[in-house]
Amino acid sequence: MIIFKIYTVNYFIMIIRDRALLITVFIFTFAISALTQSGWYIAYSPTAGRIDDISFINDSVGYMKVNTWIYQTRNGGKSWGGIAQIPFDFYVRSIEFLDEQVGILGGLAGSLPPVLMITKDGGQNFTNLADSVDGGFIGMCGIDSKDSLVIGVGIYLSPAKFYKSVDRGYHWKSWDVPK
């Protein structure tokens, strides 16, 4: 396979006399070779729009938030299917699934109500927990988890906050970040 790639590059060298084009073709060939040998591949979004966040629970199963939809993949991102639509009066910015049933959505506030939603049934139903956060909730821009610990970070507005749940996102506490 390497011999074929070298032959392909040499073939282009013989045909292409323009140095800039030659360098471009070489870099492109090298990049494609490196990309395919590393296990990476091009994955396409299921729809046009802004991809705000992606969360994988293993090598195959992942979740993506695009516009007002949550999509799921079961083949490592090669294809996606819509599993839930988020109401238009919320702007969800971050998504974190802990397993195929429990997922957390965090959102921005501003002119919209703050969003901290949890699903316990794989995205079929969501409950907004924003009003029940101990210490207050003004919005969440990023979420990450490890086992039953879930951490969220606030938004661009002040006061800066971070959020913590020790029970897989069922109950939350917030703290102001010191200046």
Foldseek 3Di string as FASTA:
>chain_A
DVVVLVVVLVVVVVVDDDPVVNVVVVVVSVVVVVCVVVVHDDADDQDDADWQEKEAQDQAWIWTDGDQFIWIGRGNRNDIDTDEGHDPLFAWREKYANDQAWIWTWGAPDPGHGATWIGRGRHPDIDGCQVQEAPHDHTFNYWDDDDQKIKTWGDPDDQTKIKIDNGNRPYIYMDGDDD
